[in-house]
Amino acid sequence: MMNVTIDLKAFTDKISDREFDQLCADNPEAKFETTKEGKLIVMSPTGSQSGKLNMSLAFQVELWNRKAGKPGVVFDSSTGFRLSNGATRSPDVSWIELARWNSLTAKQQRGFAPIDPDFVIELMSPICGAVSFRTDELLELQHKMEEYISCGVRLGWLINPDERQVEIYRGGQDKEVLLSPISISGEHCLPGFTVDLAEIFA
């Protein structure tokens, strides 16, 4: 999956939250993000395999969440959040502690919630293009992961199915790279949660 970042300086210095909301409302079939500088990112649809793997990951997080007594709220890849640095981002899977989510107003919850998730997953799409595109996608996702952590996300996973690799991002720590892990733990952020990577790496 390749996303395109559009510089709107010919029309505006920075797309406002109101303009972005209207753009999304006028184009419900499209998916957008914005950078902290206010540049617009047009996101391509995911392939069928990526959608399947995203669903598997979201299902595992949601299943843990329900078994744990719903300590938080799980979101899919169509959910946008207004991060504390001003960017609007849509992680493939995200989770927010219930108390933090409930601290938002009903209006804030209905829109692009102004909150940094506690936990995020980004999933690289399976190989379907040139190697240079893959390198660009990896760098783009690594930048997003670093942005999440700088905004206060407590734990993040960047999963690369083709390389059977997981990059783990934690606040205040260097990233950790795992090769061919069978599973990974939610650690202190999602206590008792372990994701099974068998299907993801199949």
N, C-alpha and C. Protein backbone atom coordinates (compact mmCIF):
# COMPACT_ATOMS: atom_id res chain seq x y z
N MET A 1 0.85 -1.19 0.00
CA MET A 1 0.00 0.00 0.00
C MET A 1 0.88 1.23 0.00
N MET A 2 0.63 2.15 -0.96
CA MET A 2 1.38 3.40 -1.01
C MET A 2 0.42 4.57 -0.79
N ASN A 3 0.80 5.44 0.13
CA ASN A 3 0.00 6.63 0.41
C ASN A 3 0.66 7.84 -0.25
N VAL A 4 -0.14 8.83 -0.57
CA VAL A 4 0.38 10.03 -1.24
C VAL A 4 0.16 11.23 -0.32
N THR A 5 1.24 11.96 -0.03
CA THR A 5 1.15 13.18 0.77
C THR A 5 1.05 14.38 -0.16
N ILE A 6 0.02 15.18 0.04
CA ILE A 6 -0.26 16.32 -0.83
C ILE A 6 0.02 17.62 -0.08
N ASP A 7 0.90 18.44 -0.66
CA ASP A 7 1.19 19.76 -0.09
C ASP A 7 0.14 20.72 -0.62
N LEU A 8 -0.63 21.32 0.27
CA LEU A 8 -1.75 22.19 -0.11
C LEU A 8 -1.38 23.67 -0.09
N LYS A 9 -0.08 24.00 -0.10
CA LYS A 9 0.31 25.40 0.08
C LYS A 9 -0.17 26.30 -1.05
N ALA A 10 -0.53 25.72 -2.21
CA ALA A 10 -1.09 26.54 -3.29
C ALA A 10 -2.47 27.08 -2.91
N PHE A 11 -3.12 26.41 -1.95
CA PHE A 11 -4.46 26.80 -1.54
C PHE A 11 -4.52 27.29 -0.08
N THR A 12 -3.71 26.68 0.78
CA THR A 12 -3.74 27.03 2.20
C THR A 12 -2.43 26.59 2.84
N ASP A 13 -2.03 27.31 3.87
CA ASP A 13 -0.80 26.95 4.57
C ASP A 13 -0.94 25.62 5.31
N LYS A 14 -2.14 25.39 5.84
CA LYS A 14 -2.37 24.19 6.64
C LYS A 14 -3.86 23.88 6.63
N ILE A 15 -4.21 22.65 6.32
CA ILE A 15 -5.62 22.28 6.33
C ILE A 15 -6.12 22.29 7.78
N SER A 16 -7.21 22.96 8.01
CA SER A 16 -7.74 23.08 9.37
C SER A 16 -8.54 21.83 9.74
N ASP A 17 -8.79 21.67 11.03
CA ASP A 17 -9.60 20.54 11.48
C ASP A 17 -10.99 20.59 10.84
N ARG A 18 -11.56 21.78 10.75
CA ARG A 18 -12.89 21.93 10.17
C ARG A 18 -12.89 21.56 8.69
N GLU A 19 -11.88 22.02 7.96
CA GLU A 19 -11.76 21.69 6.53
C GLU A 19 -11.56 20.19 6.33
N PHE A 20 -10.75 19.59 7.20
CA PHE A 20 -10.51 18.15 7.10
C PHE A 20 -11.79 17.37 7.38
N ASP A 21 -12.53 17.78 8.40
CA ASP A 21 -13.80 17.12 8.71
C ASP A 21 -14.75 17.20 7.51
N GLN A 22 -14.80 18.36 6.87
CA GLN A 22 -15.70 18.52 5.73
C GLN A 22 -15.23 17.69 4.54
N LEU A 23 -13.92 17.63 4.33
CA LEU A 23 -13.37 16.81 3.25
C LEU A 23 -13.75 15.34 3.43
N CYS A 24 -13.64 14.86 4.65
CA CYS A 24 -13.99 13.46 4.93
C CYS A 24 -15.49 13.23 4.76
N ALA A 25 -16.29 14.20 5.20
CA ALA A 25 -17.74 14.07 5.05
C ALA A 25 -18.16 14.09 3.59
N ASP A 26 -17.46 14.88 2.76
CA ASP A 26 -17.79 14.97 1.33
C ASP A 26 -17.28 13.77 0.54
N ASN A 27 -16.34 13.03 1.12
CA ASN A 27 -15.74 11.88 0.42
C ASN A 27 -15.73 10.66 1.34
N PRO A 28 -16.90 10.15 1.71
CA PRO A 28 -16.96 9.06 2.69
C PRO A 28 -16.32 7.76 2.22
N GLU A 29 -16.14 7.63 0.91
CA GLU A 29 -15.54 6.41 0.38
C GLU A 29 -14.01 6.47 0.42
N ALA A 30 -13.47 7.62 0.72
CA ALA A 30 -12.02 7.81 0.74
C ALA A 30 -11.50 7.81 2.17
N LYS A 31 -10.20 7.61 2.29
CA LYS A 31 -9.56 7.60 3.61
C LYS A 31 -8.39 8.57 3.59
N PHE A 32 -8.37 9.47 4.56
CA PHE A 32 -7.34 10.50 4.62
C PHE A 32 -6.69 10.53 6.00
N GLU A 33 -5.46 11.04 6.03
CA GLU A 33 -4.79 11.42 7.26
C GLU A 33 -4.20 12.81 7.04
N THR A 34 -3.73 13.44 8.10
CA THR A 34 -2.96 14.67 7.96
C THR A 34 -1.69 14.56 8.79
N THR A 35 -0.65 15.24 8.32
CA THR A 35 0.58 15.32 9.10
C THR A 35 0.44 16.44 10.13
N LYS A 36 1.37 16.51 11.03
CA LYS A 36 1.32 17.57 12.04
C LYS A 36 1.51 18.95 11.41
N GLU A 37 2.09 18.98 10.19
CA GLU A 37 2.27 20.24 9.49
C GLU A 37 1.01 20.65 8.71
N GLY A 38 0.00 19.78 8.73
CA GLY A 38 -1.24 20.11 8.03
C GLY A 38 -1.28 19.66 6.59
N LYS A 39 -0.33 18.82 6.17
CA LYS A 39 -0.37 18.27 4.82
C LYS A 39 -1.37 17.11 4.78
N LEU A 40 -2.01 16.94 3.64
CA LEU A 40 -3.04 15.92 3.47
C LEU A 40 -2.42 14.64 2.94
N ILE A 41 -2.79 13.51 3.54
CA ILE A 41 -2.33 12.20 3.08
C ILE A 41 -3.54 11.45 2.53
N VAL A 42 -3.45 11.05 1.26
CA VAL A 42 -4.49 10.25 0.63
C VAL A 42 -4.05 8.79 0.71
N MET A 43 -4.86 7.98 1.37
CA MET A 43 -4.47 6.59 1.65
C MET A 43 -5.17 5.65 0.67
N SER A 44 -4.38 4.76 0.08
CA SER A 44 -4.95 3.79 -0.85
C SER A 44 -5.65 2.68 -0.07
N PRO A 45 -6.64 2.02 -0.69
CA PRO A 45 -7.30 0.91 0.00
C PRO A 45 -6.31 -0.22 0.25
N THR A 46 -6.54 -0.99 1.31
CA THR A 46 -5.70 -2.15 1.56
C THR A 46 -6.11 -3.30 0.66
N GLY A 47 -5.16 -4.17 0.36
CA GLY A 47 -5.49 -5.38 -0.39
C GLY A 47 -6.28 -6.34 0.47
N SER A 48 -6.84 -7.35 -0.17
CA SER A 48 -7.70 -8.31 0.55
C SER A 48 -6.94 -9.03 1.65
N GLN A 49 -5.69 -9.44 1.37
CA GLN A 49 -4.91 -10.15 2.38
C GLN A 49 -4.62 -9.26 3.58
N SER A 50 -4.28 -7.99 3.32
CA SER A 50 -4.02 -7.06 4.41
C SER A 50 -5.26 -6.88 5.27
N GLY A 51 -6.42 -6.76 4.60
CA GLY A 51 -7.67 -6.60 5.34
C GLY A 51 -7.96 -7.80 6.22
N LYS A 52 -7.67 -8.98 5.71
CA LYS A 52 -7.87 -10.22 6.48
C LYS A 52 -6.97 -10.24 7.71
N LEU A 53 -5.70 -9.88 7.53
CA LEU A 53 -4.75 -9.90 8.65
C LEU A 53 -5.08 -8.81 9.67
N ASN A 54 -5.49 -7.64 9.17
CA ASN A 54 -5.91 -6.58 10.09
C ASN A 54 -7.07 -7.04 10.96
N MET A 55 -8.03 -7.72 10.34
CA MET A 55 -9.18 -8.20 11.09
C MET A 55 -8.77 -9.22 12.14
N SER A 56 -7.83 -10.10 11.79
CA SER A 56 -7.35 -11.10 12.74
C SER A 56 -6.72 -10.42 13.97
N LEU A 57 -5.91 -9.40 13.72
CA LEU A 57 -5.26 -8.70 14.83
C LEU A 57 -6.28 -7.97 15.70
N ALA A 58 -7.21 -7.27 15.04
CA ALA A 58 -8.24 -6.53 15.79
C ALA A 58 -9.11 -7.49 16.60
N PHE A 59 -9.43 -8.65 16.02
CA PHE A 59 -10.25 -9.64 16.71
C PHE A 59 -9.54 -10.14 17.96
N GLN A 60 -8.24 -10.40 17.86
CA GLN A 60 -7.50 -10.90 19.02
C GLN A 60 -7.46 -9.86 20.14
N VAL A 61 -7.29 -8.59 19.77
CA VAL A 61 -7.28 -7.53 20.79
C VAL A 61 -8.66 -7.41 21.42
N GLU A 62 -9.71 -7.43 20.60
CA GLU A 62 -11.08 -7.31 21.10
C GLU A 62 -11.45 -8.49 21.99
N LEU A 63 -11.03 -9.69 21.61
CA LEU A 63 -11.33 -10.87 22.42
C LEU A 63 -10.69 -10.76 23.79
N TRP A 64 -9.41 -10.34 23.82
CA TRP A 64 -8.75 -10.13 25.12
C TRP A 64 -9.49 -9.06 25.92
N ASN A 65 -9.87 -7.98 25.25
CA ASN A 65 -10.53 -6.86 25.93
C ASN A 65 -11.82 -7.32 26.60
N ARG A 66 -12.58 -8.16 25.91
CA ARG A 66 -13.85 -8.64 26.48
C ARG A 66 -13.61 -9.62 27.63
N LYS A 67 -12.64 -10.51 27.44
CA LYS A 67 -12.35 -11.48 28.50
C LYS A 67 -11.79 -10.80 29.74
N ALA A 68 -11.10 -9.68 29.53
CA ALA A 68 -10.51 -8.95 30.66
C ALA A 68 -11.53 -8.04 31.34
N GLY A 69 -12.78 -8.10 30.90
CA GLY A 69 -13.81 -7.27 31.51
C GLY A 69 -13.92 -5.90 30.89
N LYS A 70 -13.54 -5.80 29.60
CA LYS A 70 -13.62 -4.53 28.86
C LYS A 70 -12.89 -3.39 29.57
N PRO A 71 -11.57 -3.54 29.76
CA PRO A 71 -10.82 -2.44 30.39
C PRO A 71 -10.58 -1.26 29.46
N GLY A 72 -10.96 -1.42 28.21
CA GLY A 72 -10.73 -0.34 27.25
C GLY A 72 -11.63 -0.46 26.05
N VAL A 73 -11.28 0.29 25.00
CA VAL A 73 -12.05 0.30 23.76
C VAL A 73 -11.10 0.00 22.60
N VAL A 74 -11.52 -0.91 21.71
CA VAL A 74 -10.71 -1.32 20.57
C VAL A 74 -11.25 -0.65 19.31
N PHE A 75 -10.34 -0.21 18.44
CA PHE A 75 -10.71 0.49 17.21
C PHE A 75 -10.06 -0.17 16.00
N ASP A 76 -10.79 -0.13 14.87
CA ASP A 76 -10.25 -0.72 13.65
C ASP A 76 -9.52 0.34 12.82
N SER A 77 -9.08 -0.07 11.62
CA SER A 77 -8.22 0.78 10.80
C SER A 77 -8.93 1.97 10.18
N SER A 78 -10.25 2.01 10.25
CA SER A 78 -10.98 3.14 9.68
C SER A 78 -11.12 4.30 10.65
N THR A 79 -10.59 4.14 11.87
CA THR A 79 -10.76 5.15 12.91
C THR A 79 -9.63 6.17 12.89
N GLY A 80 -9.99 7.45 12.85
CA GLY A 80 -8.99 8.50 12.90
C GLY A 80 -8.95 9.16 14.26
N PHE A 81 -7.76 9.50 14.71
CA PHE A 81 -7.56 10.20 15.98
C PHE A 81 -6.79 11.50 15.72
N ARG A 82 -7.19 12.57 16.41
CA ARG A 82 -6.42 13.80 16.37
C ARG A 82 -5.35 13.70 17.45
N LEU A 83 -4.13 13.47 17.06
CA LEU A 83 -3.04 13.30 18.02
C LEU A 83 -2.67 14.63 18.65
N SER A 84 -1.95 14.55 19.76
CA SER A 84 -1.59 15.75 20.51
C SER A 84 -0.62 16.65 19.77
N ASN A 85 0.03 16.15 18.69
CA ASN A 85 0.92 17.00 17.90
C ASN A 85 0.19 17.69 16.75
N GLY A 86 -1.14 17.44 16.61
CA GLY A 86 -1.93 18.08 15.57
C GLY A 86 -2.20 17.23 14.36
N ALA A 87 -1.52 16.09 14.24
CA ALA A 87 -1.76 15.19 13.11
C ALA A 87 -3.05 14.41 13.33
N THR A 88 -3.67 13.95 12.24
CA THR A 88 -4.80 13.04 12.32
C THR A 88 -4.34 11.71 11.73
N ARG A 89 -4.34 10.66 12.54
CA ARG A 89 -3.80 9.38 12.12
C ARG A 89 -4.81 8.25 12.35
N SER A 90 -4.67 7.19 11.54
CA SER A 90 -5.56 6.03 11.62
C SER A 90 -4.73 4.76 11.74
N PRO A 91 -4.38 4.32 12.94
CA PRO A 91 -3.64 3.07 13.10
C PRO A 91 -4.47 1.89 12.60
N ASP A 92 -3.80 0.81 12.22
CA ASP A 92 -4.52 -0.37 11.75
C ASP A 92 -5.37 -0.98 12.88
N VAL A 93 -4.82 -1.00 14.08
CA VAL A 93 -5.56 -1.42 15.28
C VAL A 93 -5.12 -0.49 16.40
N SER A 94 -6.06 -0.10 17.25
CA SER A 94 -5.69 0.74 18.39
C SER A 94 -6.58 0.42 19.58
N TRP A 95 -6.08 0.80 20.75
CA TRP A 95 -6.79 0.52 22.01
C TRP A 95 -6.57 1.70 22.95
N ILE A 96 -7.64 2.08 23.65
CA ILE A 96 -7.57 3.18 24.62
C ILE A 96 -8.21 2.72 25.92
N GLU A 97 -7.55 3.02 27.04
CA GLU A 97 -8.11 2.69 28.35
C GLU A 97 -9.49 3.33 28.51
N LEU A 98 -10.39 2.59 29.13
CA LEU A 98 -11.79 3.02 29.23
C LEU A 98 -11.93 4.37 29.93
N ALA A 99 -11.19 4.58 31.02
CA ALA A 99 -11.31 5.84 31.76
C ALA A 99 -10.89 7.03 30.90
N ARG A 100 -9.86 6.85 30.09
CA ARG A 100 -9.41 7.93 29.21
C ARG A 100 -10.45 8.19 28.12
N TRP A 101 -11.00 7.12 27.55
CA TRP A 101 -12.03 7.27 26.52
C TRP A 101 -13.26 7.96 27.09
N ASN A 102 -13.66 7.56 28.27
CA ASN A 102 -14.86 8.14 28.90
C ASN A 102 -14.66 9.58 29.34
N SER A 103 -13.41 10.03 29.38
CA SER A 103 -13.15 11.43 29.74
C SER A 103 -13.48 12.37 28.59
N LEU A 104 -13.68 11.83 27.40
CA LEU A 104 -14.05 12.65 26.25
C LEU A 104 -15.55 12.90 26.25
N THR A 105 -15.96 13.99 25.64
CA THR A 105 -17.38 14.26 25.52
C THR A 105 -17.97 13.37 24.42
N ALA A 106 -19.29 13.26 24.40
CA ALA A 106 -19.95 12.46 23.37
C ALA A 106 -19.64 13.01 21.98
N LYS A 107 -19.57 14.32 21.86
CA LYS A 107 -19.25 14.95 20.57
C LYS A 107 -17.84 14.59 20.14
N GLN A 108 -16.89 14.62 21.07
CA GLN A 108 -15.51 14.27 20.74
C GLN A 108 -15.41 12.80 20.31
N GLN A 109 -16.16 11.93 20.97
CA GLN A 109 -16.13 10.51 20.64
C GLN A 109 -16.72 10.23 19.25
N ARG A 110 -17.67 11.05 18.83
CA ARG A 110 -18.31 10.82 17.53
C ARG A 110 -17.41 11.23 16.36
N GLY A 111 -16.55 12.21 16.57
CA GLY A 111 -15.69 12.69 15.50
C GLY A 111 -14.33 12.03 15.55
N PHE A 112 -13.32 12.75 15.04
CA PHE A 112 -11.94 12.28 15.16
C PHE A 112 -11.49 12.61 16.58
N ALA A 113 -11.56 11.65 17.46
CA ALA A 113 -11.35 11.89 18.88
C ALA A 113 -9.98 12.53 19.13
N PRO A 114 -9.95 13.63 19.91
CA PRO A 114 -8.68 14.29 20.23
C PRO A 114 -7.98 13.57 21.38
N ILE A 115 -7.38 12.44 21.05
CA ILE A 115 -6.74 11.63 22.08
C ILE A 115 -5.67 10.75 21.44
N ASP A 116 -4.59 10.53 22.16
CA ASP A 116 -3.54 9.62 21.71
C ASP A 116 -3.87 8.22 22.24
N PRO A 117 -3.97 7.21 21.37
CA PRO A 117 -4.24 5.86 21.87
C PRO A 117 -3.16 5.40 22.85
N ASP A 118 -3.51 4.42 23.65
CA ASP A 118 -2.52 3.80 24.55
C ASP A 118 -1.68 2.76 23.81
N PHE A 119 -2.30 2.11 22.83
CA PHE A 119 -1.66 0.99 22.13
C PHE A 119 -2.05 1.04 20.66
N VAL A 120 -1.08 0.80 19.77
CA VAL A 120 -1.36 0.79 18.34
C VAL A 120 -0.63 -0.36 17.66
N ILE A 121 -1.22 -0.81 16.56
CA ILE A 121 -0.57 -1.77 15.66
C ILE A 121 -0.61 -1.19 14.26
N GLU A 122 0.51 -1.24 13.57
CA GLU A 122 0.56 -0.97 12.14
C GLU A 122 1.06 -2.23 11.44
N LEU A 123 0.41 -2.57 10.34
CA LEU A 123 0.72 -3.81 9.62
C LEU A 123 1.18 -3.47 8.21
N MET A 124 2.38 -3.91 7.85
CA MET A 124 2.84 -3.73 6.48
C MET A 124 2.03 -4.62 5.56
N SER A 125 1.71 -4.12 4.38
CA SER A 125 0.96 -4.92 3.41
C SER A 125 1.87 -5.95 2.76
N PRO A 126 1.31 -7.10 2.36
CA PRO A 126 2.11 -8.12 1.65
C PRO A 126 2.69 -7.55 0.36
N ILE A 127 3.77 -8.15 -0.10
CA ILE A 127 4.45 -7.67 -1.30
C ILE A 127 3.52 -7.72 -2.51
N CYS A 128 3.37 -6.56 -3.16
CA CYS A 128 2.59 -6.53 -4.40
C CYS A 128 3.14 -5.45 -5.34
N GLY A 129 4.28 -4.90 -4.97
CA GLY A 129 4.85 -3.85 -5.81
C GLY A 129 6.37 -3.94 -5.84
N ALA A 130 7.00 -2.87 -6.35
CA ALA A 130 8.45 -2.83 -6.48
C ALA A 130 9.11 -2.75 -5.10
N VAL A 131 10.37 -3.17 -5.06
CA VAL A 131 11.12 -3.15 -3.80
C VAL A 131 11.23 -1.74 -3.26
N SER A 132 11.41 -0.75 -4.16
CA SER A 132 11.54 0.64 -3.70
C SER A 132 10.28 1.09 -2.99
N PHE A 133 9.10 0.64 -3.46
CA PHE A 133 7.86 0.97 -2.78
C PHE A 133 7.83 0.36 -1.39
N ARG A 134 8.35 -0.86 -1.26
CA ARG A 134 8.37 -1.52 0.05
C ARG A 134 9.25 -0.74 1.01
N THR A 135 10.39 -0.27 0.53
CA THR A 135 11.29 0.52 1.39
C THR A 135 10.61 1.81 1.82
N ASP A 136 9.93 2.46 0.87
CA ASP A 136 9.22 3.69 1.20
C ASP A 136 8.13 3.44 2.23
N GLU A 137 7.40 2.34 2.07
CA GLU A 137 6.31 2.02 3.00
C GLU A 137 6.87 1.77 4.40
N LEU A 138 7.99 1.02 4.48
CA LEU A 138 8.58 0.73 5.79
C LEU A 138 9.02 2.02 6.47
N LEU A 139 9.70 2.90 5.74
CA LEU A 139 10.15 4.15 6.32
C LEU A 139 8.97 5.00 6.78
N GLU A 140 7.91 5.01 5.98
CA GLU A 140 6.72 5.77 6.33
C GLU A 140 6.08 5.25 7.61
N LEU A 141 6.00 3.93 7.73
CA LEU A 141 5.39 3.33 8.92
C LEU A 141 6.28 3.50 10.15
N GLN A 142 7.59 3.41 9.97
CA GLN A 142 8.49 3.63 11.09
C GLN A 142 8.36 5.07 11.60
N HIS A 143 8.21 6.01 10.68
CA HIS A 143 8.00 7.41 11.07
C HIS A 143 6.70 7.55 11.86
N LYS A 144 5.65 6.88 11.40
CA LYS A 144 4.38 6.94 12.12
C LYS A 144 4.52 6.36 13.52
N MET A 145 5.24 5.25 13.65
CA MET A 145 5.40 4.64 14.96
C MET A 145 6.14 5.58 15.91
N GLU A 146 7.18 6.22 15.39
CA GLU A 146 7.93 7.18 16.22
C GLU A 146 7.05 8.36 16.62
N GLU A 147 6.18 8.77 15.69
CA GLU A 147 5.26 9.86 15.99
C GLU A 147 4.28 9.45 17.08
N TYR A 148 3.73 8.25 16.97
CA TYR A 148 2.81 7.76 18.00
C TYR A 148 3.46 7.81 19.38
N ILE A 149 4.68 7.29 19.47
CA ILE A 149 5.36 7.22 20.77
C ILE A 149 5.66 8.63 21.29
N SER A 150 6.06 9.54 20.40
CA SER A 150 6.35 10.91 20.83
C SER A 150 5.10 11.61 21.34
N CYS A 151 3.93 11.15 20.90
CA CYS A 151 2.67 11.74 21.34
C CYS A 151 2.15 11.10 22.63
N GLY A 152 2.81 10.05 23.11
CA GLY A 152 2.39 9.45 24.37
C GLY A 152 1.81 8.06 24.27
N VAL A 153 1.77 7.49 23.06
CA VAL A 153 1.35 6.08 22.94
C VAL A 153 2.32 5.23 23.75
N ARG A 154 1.77 4.32 24.56
CA ARG A 154 2.61 3.57 25.50
C ARG A 154 3.30 2.36 24.85
N LEU A 155 2.63 1.75 23.89
CA LEU A 155 3.17 0.54 23.26
C LEU A 155 2.70 0.48 21.83
N GLY A 156 3.62 0.17 20.90
CA GLY A 156 3.25 0.04 19.50
C GLY A 156 3.99 -1.09 18.83
N TRP A 157 3.29 -1.76 17.93
CA TRP A 157 3.88 -2.86 17.15
C TRP A 157 3.80 -2.53 15.68
N LEU A 158 4.92 -2.65 14.98
CA LEU A 158 4.96 -2.58 13.52
C LEU A 158 5.25 -3.99 13.03
N ILE A 159 4.27 -4.59 12.39
CA ILE A 159 4.37 -6.00 12.00
C ILE A 159 4.60 -6.10 10.49
N ASN A 160 5.65 -6.83 10.11
CA ASN A 160 6.02 -7.04 8.71
C ASN A 160 5.86 -8.53 8.39
N PRO A 161 4.71 -8.93 7.84
CA PRO A 161 4.46 -10.36 7.61
C PRO A 161 5.44 -11.01 6.65
N ASP A 162 5.83 -10.31 5.58
CA ASP A 162 6.72 -10.92 4.58
C ASP A 162 8.09 -11.22 5.15
N GLU A 163 8.57 -10.35 6.04
CA GLU A 163 9.88 -10.56 6.66
C GLU A 163 9.77 -11.31 7.99
N ARG A 164 8.54 -11.63 8.40
CA ARG A 164 8.29 -12.29 9.68
C ARG A 164 8.99 -11.53 10.82
N GLN A 165 8.75 -10.25 10.84
CA GLN A 165 9.45 -9.37 11.77
C GLN A 165 8.47 -8.44 12.48
N VAL A 166 8.77 -8.16 13.75
CA VAL A 166 7.98 -7.21 14.53
C VAL A 166 8.92 -6.19 15.16
N GLU A 167 8.61 -4.92 14.96
CA GLU A 167 9.32 -3.86 15.66
C GLU A 167 8.44 -3.39 16.80
N ILE A 168 8.99 -3.40 18.02
CA ILE A 168 8.24 -3.00 19.20
C ILE A 168 8.72 -1.62 19.65
N TYR A 169 7.79 -0.70 19.80
CA TYR A 169 8.08 0.67 20.20
C TYR A 169 7.48 0.92 21.58
N ARG A 170 8.30 1.48 22.46
CA ARG A 170 7.88 1.80 23.82
C ARG A 170 8.37 3.20 24.17
N GLY A 171 7.59 3.91 24.95
CA GLY A 171 7.98 5.25 25.36
C GLY A 171 9.28 5.26 26.14
N GLY A 172 10.21 6.13 25.76
CA GLY A 172 11.46 6.28 26.48
C GLY A 172 12.47 5.18 26.27
N GLN A 173 12.24 4.30 25.28
CA GLN A 173 13.15 3.19 25.02
C GLN A 173 13.45 3.10 23.53
N ASP A 174 14.58 2.47 23.21
CA ASP A 174 14.88 2.18 21.81
C ASP A 174 13.94 1.09 21.32
N LYS A 175 13.67 1.09 20.03
CA LYS A 175 12.78 0.06 19.50
C LYS A 175 13.47 -1.30 19.57
N GLU A 176 12.66 -2.33 19.73
CA GLU A 176 13.15 -3.71 19.78
C GLU A 176 12.65 -4.43 18.54
N VAL A 177 13.54 -5.19 17.88
CA VAL A 177 13.18 -5.91 16.67
C VAL A 177 13.20 -7.41 16.95
N LEU A 178 12.07 -8.07 16.70
CA LEU A 178 11.94 -9.50 16.90
C LEU A 178 11.84 -10.19 15.55
N LEU A 179 12.59 -11.26 15.36
CA LEU A 179 12.57 -12.03 14.12
C LEU A 179 11.81 -13.34 14.33
N SER A 180 10.78 -13.55 13.55
CA SER A 180 9.96 -14.77 13.56
C SER A 180 9.42 -15.12 14.95
N PRO A 181 8.89 -14.15 15.69
CA PRO A 181 8.29 -14.51 16.99
C PRO A 181 7.00 -15.30 16.78
N ILE A 182 6.75 -16.24 17.67
CA ILE A 182 5.51 -17.01 17.61
C ILE A 182 4.35 -16.18 18.14
N SER A 183 4.66 -15.37 19.15
CA SER A 183 3.66 -14.51 19.76
C SER A 183 4.37 -13.32 20.39
N ILE A 184 3.61 -12.28 20.74
CA ILE A 184 4.16 -11.14 21.47
C ILE A 184 3.17 -10.72 22.54
N SER A 185 3.71 -10.14 23.59
CA SER A 185 2.91 -9.82 24.77
C SER A 185 2.51 -8.35 24.79
N GLY A 186 1.34 -8.10 25.35
CA GLY A 186 0.88 -6.73 25.55
C GLY A 186 1.56 -6.03 26.72
N GLU A 187 2.39 -6.76 27.44
CA GLU A 187 3.20 -6.22 28.53
C GLU A 187 2.34 -5.49 29.57
N HIS A 188 2.86 -4.38 30.09
CA HIS A 188 2.14 -3.64 31.13
C HIS A 188 0.96 -2.88 30.56
N CYS A 189 0.98 -2.63 29.26
CA CYS A 189 -0.07 -1.83 28.64
C CYS A 189 -1.38 -2.62 28.51
N LEU A 190 -1.27 -3.86 28.05
CA LEU A 190 -2.42 -4.76 27.92
C LEU A 190 -2.10 -6.02 28.71
N PRO A 191 -2.18 -5.97 30.02
CA PRO A 191 -1.75 -7.10 30.85
C PRO A 191 -2.55 -8.37 30.55
N GLY A 192 -1.80 -9.45 30.36
CA GLY A 192 -2.44 -10.74 30.08
C GLY A 192 -2.73 -10.98 28.61
N PHE A 193 -2.47 -9.98 27.77
CA PHE A 193 -2.74 -10.15 26.34
C PHE A 193 -1.51 -10.68 25.63
N THR A 194 -1.72 -11.72 24.83
CA THR A 194 -0.68 -12.26 23.95
C THR A 194 -1.28 -12.47 22.57
N VAL A 195 -0.66 -11.92 21.54
CA VAL A 195 -1.18 -12.10 20.19
C VAL A 195 -0.48 -13.27 19.54
N ASP A 196 -1.26 -14.15 18.91
CA ASP A 196 -0.75 -15.30 18.17
C ASP A 196 -0.44 -14.85 16.75
N LEU A 197 0.81 -15.02 16.34
CA LEU A 197 1.25 -14.54 15.02
C LEU A 197 1.26 -15.64 13.97
N ALA A 198 0.76 -16.83 14.31
CA ALA A 198 0.80 -17.96 13.37
C ALA A 198 0.11 -17.60 12.05
N GLU A 199 -1.10 -17.07 12.15
CA GLU A 199 -1.85 -16.72 10.93
C GLU A 199 -1.20 -15.54 10.20
N ILE A 200 -0.67 -14.59 10.97
CA ILE A 200 -0.08 -13.40 10.36
C ILE A 200 1.16 -13.78 9.55
N PHE A 201 1.95 -14.74 10.04
CA PHE A 201 3.18 -15.12 9.38
C PHE A 201 3.02 -16.37 8.51
N ALA A 202 1.80 -16.87 8.36
CA ALA A 202 1.58 -18.10 7.58
C ALA A 202 1.95 -17.85 6.12
